[in-house]
Structures are given as structure tokens and as C-alpha cells.
Amino acid sequence: SASIEVSRVGAQTVASAPFPDDGYRAAERAFAAASFF
């Protein structure tokens, strides 16, 4: 494996496309937790 520094997805409308509201963001919150990895 090799690490790549993440970039923003694109325009804000594209970045938020998968998430119509905060109820869709459970995985995002999980990955953001300091203890996830």
C-alpha cells in the first residue's frame, strides 16, 4: 500500500452529492474519530 494525501472532491455541490443531509454522514463521523484506526 502507499498513502496519498487526500484532496477535496471538487466543487461543494459535488463533495456533498452523496450526503443529502447529516443523517447520511455516519461513516464520515466514524472515520473522523481519533480512535478509528
All heavy atoms as atom14 arrays in JSON, in Angstrom:
{
  "sequence": "SASIEVSRVGAQTVASAPFPDDGYRAAERAFAAASFF",
  "atom14_mask": [
    [1, 1, 1, 1, 1, 1, 0, 0, 0, 0, 0, 0, 0, 0],
    [1, 1, 1, 1, 1, 0, 0, 0, 0, 0, 0, 0, 0, 0],
    [1, 1, 1, 1, 1, 1, 0, 0, 0, 0, 0, 0, 0, 0],
    [1, 1, 1, 1, 1, 1, 1, 1, 0, 0, 0, 0, 0, 0],
    [1, 1, 1, 1, 1, 1, 1, 1, 1, 0, 0, 0, 0, 0],
    [1, 1, 1, 1, 1, 1, 1, 0, 0, 0, 0, 0, 0, 0],
    [1, 1, 1, 1, 1, 1, 0, 0, 0, 0, 0, 0, 0, 0],
    [1, 1, 1, 1, 1, 1, 1, 1, 1, 1, 1, 0, 0, 0],
    [1, 1, 1, 1, 1, 1, 1, 0, 0, 0, 0, 0, 0, 0],
    [1, 1, 1, 1, 0, 0, 0, 0, 0, 0, 0, 0, 0, 0],
    [1, 1, 1, 1, 1, 0, 0, 0, 0, 0, 0, 0, 0, 0],
    [1, 1, 1, 1, 1, 1, 1, 1, 1, 0, 0, 0, 0, 0],
    [1, 1, 1, 1, 1, 1, 1, 0, 0, 0, 0, 0, 0, 0],
    [1, 1, 1, 1, 1, 1, 1, 0, 0, 0, 0, 0, 0, 0],
    [1, 1, 1, 1, 1, 0, 0, 0, 0, 0, 0, 0, 0, 0],
    [1, 1, 1, 1, 1, 1, 0, 0, 0, 0, 0, 0, 0, 0],
    [1, 1, 1, 1, 1, 0, 0, 0, 0, 0, 0, 0, 0, 0],
    [1, 1, 1, 1, 1, 1, 1, 0, 0, 0, 0, 0, 0, 0],
    [1, 1, 1, 1, 1, 1, 1, 1, 1, 1, 1, 0, 0, 0],
    [1, 1, 1, 1, 1, 1, 1, 0, 0, 0, 0, 0, 0, 0],
    [1, 1, 1, 1, 1, 1, 1, 1, 0, 0, 0, 0, 0, 0],
    [1, 1, 1, 1, 1, 1, 1, 1, 0, 0, 0, 0, 0, 0],
    [1, 1, 1, 1, 0, 0, 0, 0, 0, 0, 0, 0, 0, 0],
    [1, 1, 1, 1, 1, 1, 1, 1, 1, 1, 1, 1, 0, 0],
    [1, 1, 1, 1, 1, 1, 1, 1, 1, 1, 1, 0, 0, 0],
    [1, 1, 1, 1, 1, 0, 0, 0, 0, 0, 0, 0, 0, 0],
    [1, 1, 1, 1, 1, 0, 0, 0, 0, 0, 0, 0, 0, 0],
    [1, 1, 1, 1, 1, 1, 1, 1, 1, 0, 0, 0, 0, 0],
    [1, 1, 1, 1, 1, 1, 1, 1, 1, 1, 1, 0, 0, 0],
    [1, 1, 1, 1, 1, 0, 0, 0, 0, 0, 0, 0, 0, 0],
    [1, 1, 1, 1, 1, 1, 1, 1, 1, 1, 1, 0, 0, 0],
    [1, 1, 1, 1, 1, 0, 0, 0, 0, 0, 0, 0, 0, 0],
    [1, 1, 1, 1, 1, 0, 0, 0, 0, 0, 0, 0, 0, 0],
    [1, 1, 1, 1, 1, 0, 0, 0, 0, 0, 0, 0, 0, 0],
    [1, 1, 1, 1, 1, 1, 0, 0, 0, 0, 0, 0, 0, 0],
    [1, 1, 1, 1, 1, 1, 1, 1, 1, 1, 1, 0, 0, 0],
    [1, 1, 1, 1, 1, 1, 1, 1, 1, 1, 1, 0, 0, 0]
  ],
  "atom14_positions": [
    [[0.85, -1.19, 0.0], [0.0, 0.0, 0.0], [0.88, 1.24, 0.0], [2.05, 1.19, 0.39], [-0.93, 0.02, 1.22], [-0.2, 0.25, 2.4], [0.0, 0.0, 0.0], [0.0, 0.0, 0.0], [0.0, 0.0, 0.0], [0.0, 0.0, 0.0], [0.0, 0.0, 0.0], [0.0, 0.0, 0.0], [0.0, 0.0, 0.0], [0.0, 0.0, 0.0]],
    [[0.32, 2.34, -0.46], [1.0, 3.62, -0.41], [-0.02, 4.69, -0.09], [-1.17, 4.63, -0.55], [1.68, 3.93, -1.75], [0.0, 0.0, 0.0], [0.0, 0.0, 0.0], [0.0, 0.0, 0.0], [0.0, 0.0, 0.0], [0.0, 0.0, 0.0], [0.0, 0.0, 0.0], [0.0, 0.0, 0.0], [0.0, 0.0, 0.0], [0.0, 0.0, 0.0]],
    [[0.39, 5.65, 0.73], [-0.52, 6.71, 1.16], [-0.54, 7.86, 0.16], [0.5, 8.24, -0.38], [-0.11, 7.24, 2.54], [-0.27, 6.25, 3.52], [0.0, 0.0, 0.0], [0.0, 0.0, 0.0], [0.0, 0.0, 0.0], [0.0, 0.0, 0.0], [0.0, 0.0, 0.0], [0.0, 0.0, 0.0], [0.0, 0.0, 0.0], [0.0, 0.0, 0.0]],
    [[-1.72, 8.4, -0.05], [-1.9, 9.59, -0.88], [-2.58, 10.63, -0.01], [-3.55, 10.33, 0.69], [-2.78, 9.29, -2.11], [-2.18, 8.17, -2.94], [-2.98, 10.55, -2.95], [-0.87, 8.49, -3.59], [0.0, 0.0, 0.0], [0.0, 0.0, 0.0], [0.0, 0.0, 0.0], [0.0, 0.0, 0.0], [0.0, 0.0, 0.0], [0.0, 0.0, 0.0]],
    [[-2.07, 11.85, -0.03], [-2.7, 12.91, 0.74], [-4.03, 13.27, 0.09], [-4.1, 13.54, -1.1], [-1.79, 14.13, 0.81], [-0.56, 13.92, 1.66], [0.27, 15.18, 1.77], [-0.17, 16.23, 1.25], [1.37, 15.11, 2.35], [0.0, 0.0, 0.0], [0.0, 0.0, 0.0], [0.0, 0.0, 0.0], [0.0, 0.0, 0.0], [0.0, 0.0, 0.0]],
    [[-5.07, 13.26, 0.89], [-6.41, 13.46, 0.37], [-6.58, 14.89, -0.14], [-5.97, 15.83, 0.35], [-7.46, 13.15, 1.46], [-7.43, 14.19, 2.57], [-8.84, 13.04, 0.87], [0.0, 0.0, 0.0], [0.0, 0.0, 0.0], [0.0, 0.0, 0.0], [0.0, 0.0, 0.0], [0.0, 0.0, 0.0], [0.0, 0.0, 0.0], [0.0, 0.0, 0.0]],
    [[-7.41, 15.03, -1.16], [-7.76, 16.35, -1.68], [-9.26, 16.5, -1.58], [-10.0, 15.54, -1.41], [-7.32, 16.49, -3.14], [-8.07, 15.61, -3.96], [0.0, 0.0, 0.0], [0.0, 0.0, 0.0], [0.0, 0.0, 0.0], [0.0, 0.0, 0.0], [0.0, 0.0, 0.0], [0.0, 0.0, 0.0], [0.0, 0.0, 0.0], [0.0, 0.0, 0.0]],
    [[-9.72, 17.73, -1.7], [-11.16, 17.94, -1.73], [-11.73, 17.3, -2.99], [-11.07, 17.2, -4.02], [-11.5, 19.42, -1.69], [-10.86, 20.26, -2.76], [-11.04, 21.74, -2.44], [-12.43, 22.13, -2.51], [-12.93, 22.91, -3.45], [-12.15, 23.38, -4.4], [-14.2, 23.24, -3.46], [0.0, 0.0, 0.0], [0.0, 0.0, 0.0], [0.0, 0.0, 0.0]],
    [[-12.94, 16.84, -2.91], [-13.56, 16.1, -4.0], [-13.72, 16.96, -5.24], [-13.5, 16.55, -6.36], [-14.93, 15.55, -3.57], [-15.62, 14.84, -4.73], [-14.77, 14.59, -2.41], [0.0, 0.0, 0.0], [0.0, 0.0, 0.0], [0.0, 0.0, 0.0], [0.0, 0.0, 0.0], [0.0, 0.0, 0.0], [0.0, 0.0, 0.0], [0.0, 0.0, 0.0]],
    [[-14.09, 18.18, -5.07], [-14.35, 19.09, -6.18], [-15.19, 20.24, -5.68], [-15.07, 20.65, -4.53], [0.0, 0.0, 0.0], [0.0, 0.0, 0.0], [0.0, 0.0, 0.0], [0.0, 0.0, 0.0], [0.0, 0.0, 0.0], [0.0, 0.0, 0.0], [0.0, 0.0, 0.0], [0.0, 0.0, 0.0], [0.0, 0.0, 0.0], [0.0, 0.0, 0.0]],
    [[-16.04, 20.77, -6.52], [-16.94, 21.83, -6.09], [-17.8, 21.33, -4.94], [-18.05, 20.14, -4.79], [-17.82, 22.27, -7.26], [0.0, 0.0, 0.0], [0.0, 0.0, 0.0], [0.0, 0.0, 0.0], [0.0, 0.0, 0.0], [0.0, 0.0, 0.0], [0.0, 0.0, 0.0], [0.0, 0.0, 0.0], [0.0, 0.0, 0.0], [0.0, 0.0, 0.0]],
    [[-18.27, 22.26, -4.11], [-19.03, 21.89, -2.93], [-20.25, 21.04, -3.27], [-20.6, 20.1, -2.56], [-19.47, 23.15, -2.17], [-20.2, 22.86, -0.87], [-19.37, 22.04, 0.11], [-18.16, 22.2, 0.18], [-20.01, 21.14, 0.84], [0.0, 0.0, 0.0], [0.0, 0.0, 0.0], [0.0, 0.0, 0.0], [0.0, 0.0, 0.0], [0.0, 0.0, 0.0]],
    [[-20.91, 21.35, -4.39], [-22.08, 20.57, -4.78], [-21.72, 19.12, -5.08], [-22.5, 18.22, -4.81], [-22.75, 21.19, -6.01], [-21.78, 21.35, -7.06], [-23.35, 22.55, -5.68], [0.0, 0.0, 0.0], [0.0, 0.0, 0.0], [0.0, 0.0, 0.0], [0.0, 0.0, 0.0], [0.0, 0.0, 0.0], [0.0, 0.0, 0.0], [0.0, 0.0, 0.0]],
    [[-20.51, 18.9, -5.63], [-20.06, 17.54, -5.91], [-19.65, 16.85, -4.61], [-19.97, 15.68, -4.38], [-18.89, 17.56, -6.92], [-18.35, 16.16, -7.12], [-19.36, 18.15, -8.24], [0.0, 0.0, 0.0], [0.0, 0.0, 0.0], [0.0, 0.0, 0.0], [0.0, 0.0, 0.0], [0.0, 0.0, 0.0], [0.0, 0.0, 0.0], [0.0, 0.0, 0.0]],
    [[-18.92, 17.56, -3.75], [-18.46, 16.98, -2.5], [-19.62, 16.53, -1.62], [-19.54, 15.51, -0.93], [-17.59, 17.99, -1.75], [0.0, 0.0, 0.0], [0.0, 0.0, 0.0], [0.0, 0.0, 0.0], [0.0, 0.0, 0.0], [0.0, 0.0, 0.0], [0.0, 0.0, 0.0], [0.0, 0.0, 0.0], [0.0, 0.0, 0.0], [0.0, 0.0, 0.0]],
    [[-20.71, 17.28, -1.65], [-21.86, 16.96, -0.8], [-22.89, 16.07, -1.49], [-23.89, 15.69, -0.86], [-22.54, 18.25, -0.33], [-23.05, 18.97, -1.44], [0.0, 0.0, 0.0], [0.0, 0.0, 0.0], [0.0, 0.0, 0.0], [0.0, 0.0, 0.0], [0.0, 0.0, 0.0], [0.0, 0.0, 0.0], [0.0, 0.0, 0.0], [0.0, 0.0, 0.0]],
    [[-22.63, 15.7, -2.74], [-23.61, 14.93, -3.51], [-24.08, 13.65, -2.8], [-25.28, 13.36, -2.78], [-23.06, 14.59, -4.89], [0.0, 0.0, 0.0], [0.0, 0.0, 0.0], [0.0, 0.0, 0.0], [0.0, 0.0, 0.0], [0.0, 0.0, 0.0], [0.0, 0.0, 0.0], [0.0, 0.0, 0.0], [0.0, 0.0, 0.0], [0.0, 0.0, 0.0]],
    [[-23.17, 12.88, -2.18], [-23.64, 11.63, -1.56], [-24.43, 11.84, -0.27], [-24.99, 10.89, 0.26], [-22.33, 10.89, -1.26], [-21.28, 11.56, -2.08], [-21.71, 12.98, -2.15], [0.0, 0.0, 0.0], [0.0, 0.0, 0.0], [0.0, 0.0, 0.0], [0.0, 0.0, 0.0], [0.0, 0.0, 0.0], [0.0, 0.0, 0.0], [0.0, 0.0, 0.0]],
    [[-24.45, 13.07, 0.26], [-25.0, 13.32, 1.59], [-26.12, 14.36, 1.54], [-25.89, 15.54, 1.81], [-23.89, 13.79, 2.52], [-22.64, 12.94, 2.48], [-21.45, 13.44, 1.95], [-22.66, 11.63, 2.93], [-20.31, 12.67, 1.9], [-21.52, 10.84, 2.89], [-20.35, 11.36, 2.36], [0.0, 0.0, 0.0], [0.0, 0.0, 0.0], [0.0, 0.0, 0.0]],
    [[-27.34, 13.95, 1.23], [-28.44, 14.92, 1.19], [-28.66, 15.64, 2.5], [-29.1, 16.79, 2.53], [-29.65, 14.05, 0.82], [-29.07, 12.86, 0.11], [-27.76, 12.62, 0.79], [0.0, 0.0, 0.0], [0.0, 0.0, 0.0], [0.0, 0.0, 0.0], [0.0, 0.0, 0.0], [0.0, 0.0, 0.0], [0.0, 0.0, 0.0], [0.0, 0.0, 0.0]],
    [[-28.37, 14.98, 3.63], [-28.45, 15.63, 4.94], [-27.49, 14.9, 5.89], [-26.87, 13.9, 5.52], [-29.88, 15.65, 5.48], [-30.48, 14.25, 5.64], [-29.84, 13.39, 6.29], [-31.58, 14.02, 5.12], [0.0, 0.0, 0.0], [0.0, 0.0, 0.0], [0.0, 0.0, 0.0], [0.0, 0.0, 0.0], [0.0, 0.0, 0.0], [0.0, 0.0, 0.0]],
    [[-27.38, 15.39, 7.13], [-26.41, 14.84, 8.07], [-26.69, 13.39, 8.45], [-25.81, 12.68, 8.93], [-26.36, 15.7, 9.33], [-25.6, 17.0, 9.12], [-24.9, 17.1, 8.1], [-25.74, 17.9, 9.96], [0.0, 0.0, 0.0], [0.0, 0.0, 0.0], [0.0, 0.0, 0.0], [0.0, 0.0, 0.0], [0.0, 0.0, 0.0], [0.0, 0.0, 0.0]],
    [[-27.91, 12.94, 8.24], [-28.24, 11.56, 8.55], [-27.46, 10.56, 7.71], [-27.34, 9.38, 8.09], [0.0, 0.0, 0.0], [0.0, 0.0, 0.0], [0.0, 0.0, 0.0], [0.0, 0.0, 0.0], [0.0, 0.0, 0.0], [0.0, 0.0, 0.0], [0.0, 0.0, 0.0], [0.0, 0.0, 0.0], [0.0, 0.0, 0.0], [0.0, 0.0, 0.0]],
    [[-26.93, 11.02, 6.56], [-26.17, 10.15, 5.67], [-24.68, 10.09, 6.05], [-23.93, 9.38, 5.39], [-26.29, 10.66, 4.23], [-27.64, 10.45, 3.58], [-28.74, 11.2, 3.96], [-27.8, 9.52, 2.56], [-29.98, 11.03, 3.35], [-29.03, 9.33, 1.95], [-30.12, 10.09, 2.35], [-31.34, 9.9, 1.74], [0.0, 0.0, 0.0], [0.0, 0.0, 0.0]],
    [[-24.25, 10.84, 7.05], [-22.82, 11.03, 7.3], [-22.27, 10.19, 8.47], [-21.24, 10.52, 9.05], [-22.54, 12.5, 7.55], [-22.79, 13.39, 6.34], [-22.44, 14.85, 6.64], [-22.67, 15.72, 5.5], [-21.79, 15.99, 4.54], [-20.59, 15.43, 4.6], [-22.09, 16.81, 3.55], [0.0, 0.0, 0.0], [0.0, 0.0, 0.0], [0.0, 0.0, 0.0]],
    [[-22.93, 9.1, 8.82], [-22.46, 8.28, 9.94], [-21.04, 7.76, 9.7], [-20.2, 7.77, 10.6], [-23.42, 7.12, 10.19], [0.0, 0.0, 0.0], [0.0, 0.0, 0.0], [0.0, 0.0, 0.0], [0.0, 0.0, 0.0], [0.0, 0.0, 0.0], [0.0, 0.0, 0.0], [0.0, 0.0, 0.0], [0.0, 0.0, 0.0], [0.0, 0.0, 0.0]],
    [[-20.75, 7.29, 8.49], [-19.42, 6.76, 8.19], [-18.38, 7.87, 8.27], [-17.27, 7.65, 8.77], [-19.41, 6.14, 6.79], [0.0, 0.0, 0.0], [0.0, 0.0, 0.0], [0.0, 0.0, 0.0], [0.0, 0.0, 0.0], [0.0, 0.0, 0.0], [0.0, 0.0, 0.0], [0.0, 0.0, 0.0], [0.0, 0.0, 0.0], [0.0, 0.0, 0.0]],
    [[-18.72, 9.04, 7.79], [-17.8, 10.17, 7.86], [-17.44, 10.49, 9.31], [-16.27, 10.74, 9.64], [-18.44, 11.39, 7.18], [-17.49, 12.52, 6.88], [-18.18, 13.62, 6.11], [-19.12, 14.24, 6.66], [-17.81, 13.87, 4.95], [0.0, 0.0, 0.0], [0.0, 0.0, 0.0], [0.0, 0.0, 0.0], [0.0, 0.0, 0.0], [0.0, 0.0, 0.0]],
    [[-18.43, 10.44, 10.19], [-18.17, 10.7, 11.6], [-17.33, 9.58, 12.21], [-16.46, 9.84, 13.05], [-19.49, 10.85, 12.36], [-20.27, 12.12, 11.97], [-21.4, 12.39, 12.95], [-22.48, 11.41, 12.83], [-23.5, 11.53, 11.98], [-23.57, 12.57, 11.16], [-24.45, 10.61, 11.94], [0.0, 0.0, 0.0], [0.0, 0.0, 0.0], [0.0, 0.0, 0.0]],
    [[-17.57, 8.35, 11.79], [-16.79, 7.23, 12.31], [-15.32, 7.35, 11.92], [-14.42, 7.19, 12.76], [-17.37, 5.9, 11.8], [0.0, 0.0, 0.0], [0.0, 0.0, 0.0], [0.0, 0.0, 0.0], [0.0, 0.0, 0.0], [0.0, 0.0, 0.0], [0.0, 0.0, 0.0], [0.0, 0.0, 0.0], [0.0, 0.0, 0.0], [0.0, 0.0, 0.0]],
    [[-15.06, 7.64, 10.65], [-13.68, 7.74, 10.18], [-12.96, 8.92, 10.81], [-11.74, 8.91, 10.95], [-13.66, 7.87, 8.66], [-13.64, 6.56, 7.91], [-14.74, 5.73, 7.93], [-12.52, 6.16, 7.2], [-14.74, 4.52, 7.25], [-12.51, 4.95, 6.52], [-13.63, 4.12, 6.54], [0.0, 0.0, 0.0], [0.0, 0.0, 0.0], [0.0, 0.0, 0.0]],
    [[-13.71, 9.96, 11.17], [-13.09, 11.15, 11.75], [-12.66, 10.95, 13.2], [-11.86, 11.73, 13.73], [-14.05, 12.33, 11.66], [0.0, 0.0, 0.0], [0.0, 0.0, 0.0], [0.0, 0.0, 0.0], [0.0, 0.0, 0.0], [0.0, 0.0, 0.0], [0.0, 0.0, 0.0], [0.0, 0.0, 0.0], [0.0, 0.0, 0.0], [0.0, 0.0, 0.0]],
    [[-13.18, 9.91, 13.85], [-12.83, 9.67, 15.25], [-11.35, 9.33, 15.38], [-10.8, 8.54, 14.6], [-13.69, 8.53, 15.82], [0.0, 0.0, 0.0], [0.0, 0.0, 0.0], [0.0, 0.0, 0.0], [0.0, 0.0, 0.0], [0.0, 0.0, 0.0], [0.0, 0.0, 0.0], [0.0, 0.0, 0.0], [0.0, 0.0, 0.0], [0.0, 0.0, 0.0]],
    [[-10.7, 9.91, 16.35], [-9.25, 9.72, 16.52], [-8.88, 8.27, 16.76], [-7.78, 7.83, 16.43], [-8.75, 10.59, 17.67], [0.0, 0.0, 0.0], [0.0, 0.0, 0.0], [0.0, 0.0, 0.0], [0.0, 0.0, 0.0], [0.0, 0.0, 0.0], [0.0, 0.0, 0.0], [0.0, 0.0, 0.0], [0.0, 0.0, 0.0], [0.0, 0.0, 0.0]],
    [[-9.8, 7.51, 17.35], [-9.5, 6.12, 17.7], [-9.93, 5.12, 16.62], [-9.81, 3.91, 16.83], [-10.21, 5.76, 19.01], [-11.63, 5.91, 18.86], [0.0, 0.0, 0.0], [0.0, 0.0, 0.0], [0.0, 0.0, 0.0], [0.0, 0.0, 0.0], [0.0, 0.0, 0.0], [0.0, 0.0, 0.0], [0.0, 0.0, 0.0], [0.0, 0.0, 0.0]],
    [[-10.42, 5.61, 15.47], [-10.95, 4.67, 14.47], [-9.87, 3.72, 13.99], [-10.07, 2.52, 13.9], [-11.56, 5.43, 13.3], [-12.3, 4.54, 12.32], [-13.5, 3.96, 12.68], [-11.79, 4.27, 11.07], [-14.19, 3.13, 11.8], [-12.47, 3.45, 10.18], [-13.67, 2.88, 10.55], [0.0, 0.0, 0.0], [0.0, 0.0, 0.0], [0.0, 0.0, 0.0]],
    [[-8.7, 4.27, 13.63], [-7.56, 3.42, 13.28], [-6.59, 3.43, 14.45], [-6.04, 4.48, 14.81], [-6.86, 3.94, 12.02], [-7.68, 3.81, 10.76], [-8.15, 4.94, 10.11], [-7.99, 2.58, 10.23], [-8.89, 4.83, 8.94], [-8.74, 2.45, 9.08], [-9.19, 3.58, 8.43], [0.0, 0.0, 0.0], [0.0, 0.0, 0.0], [0.0, 0.0, 0.0]]
  ]
}
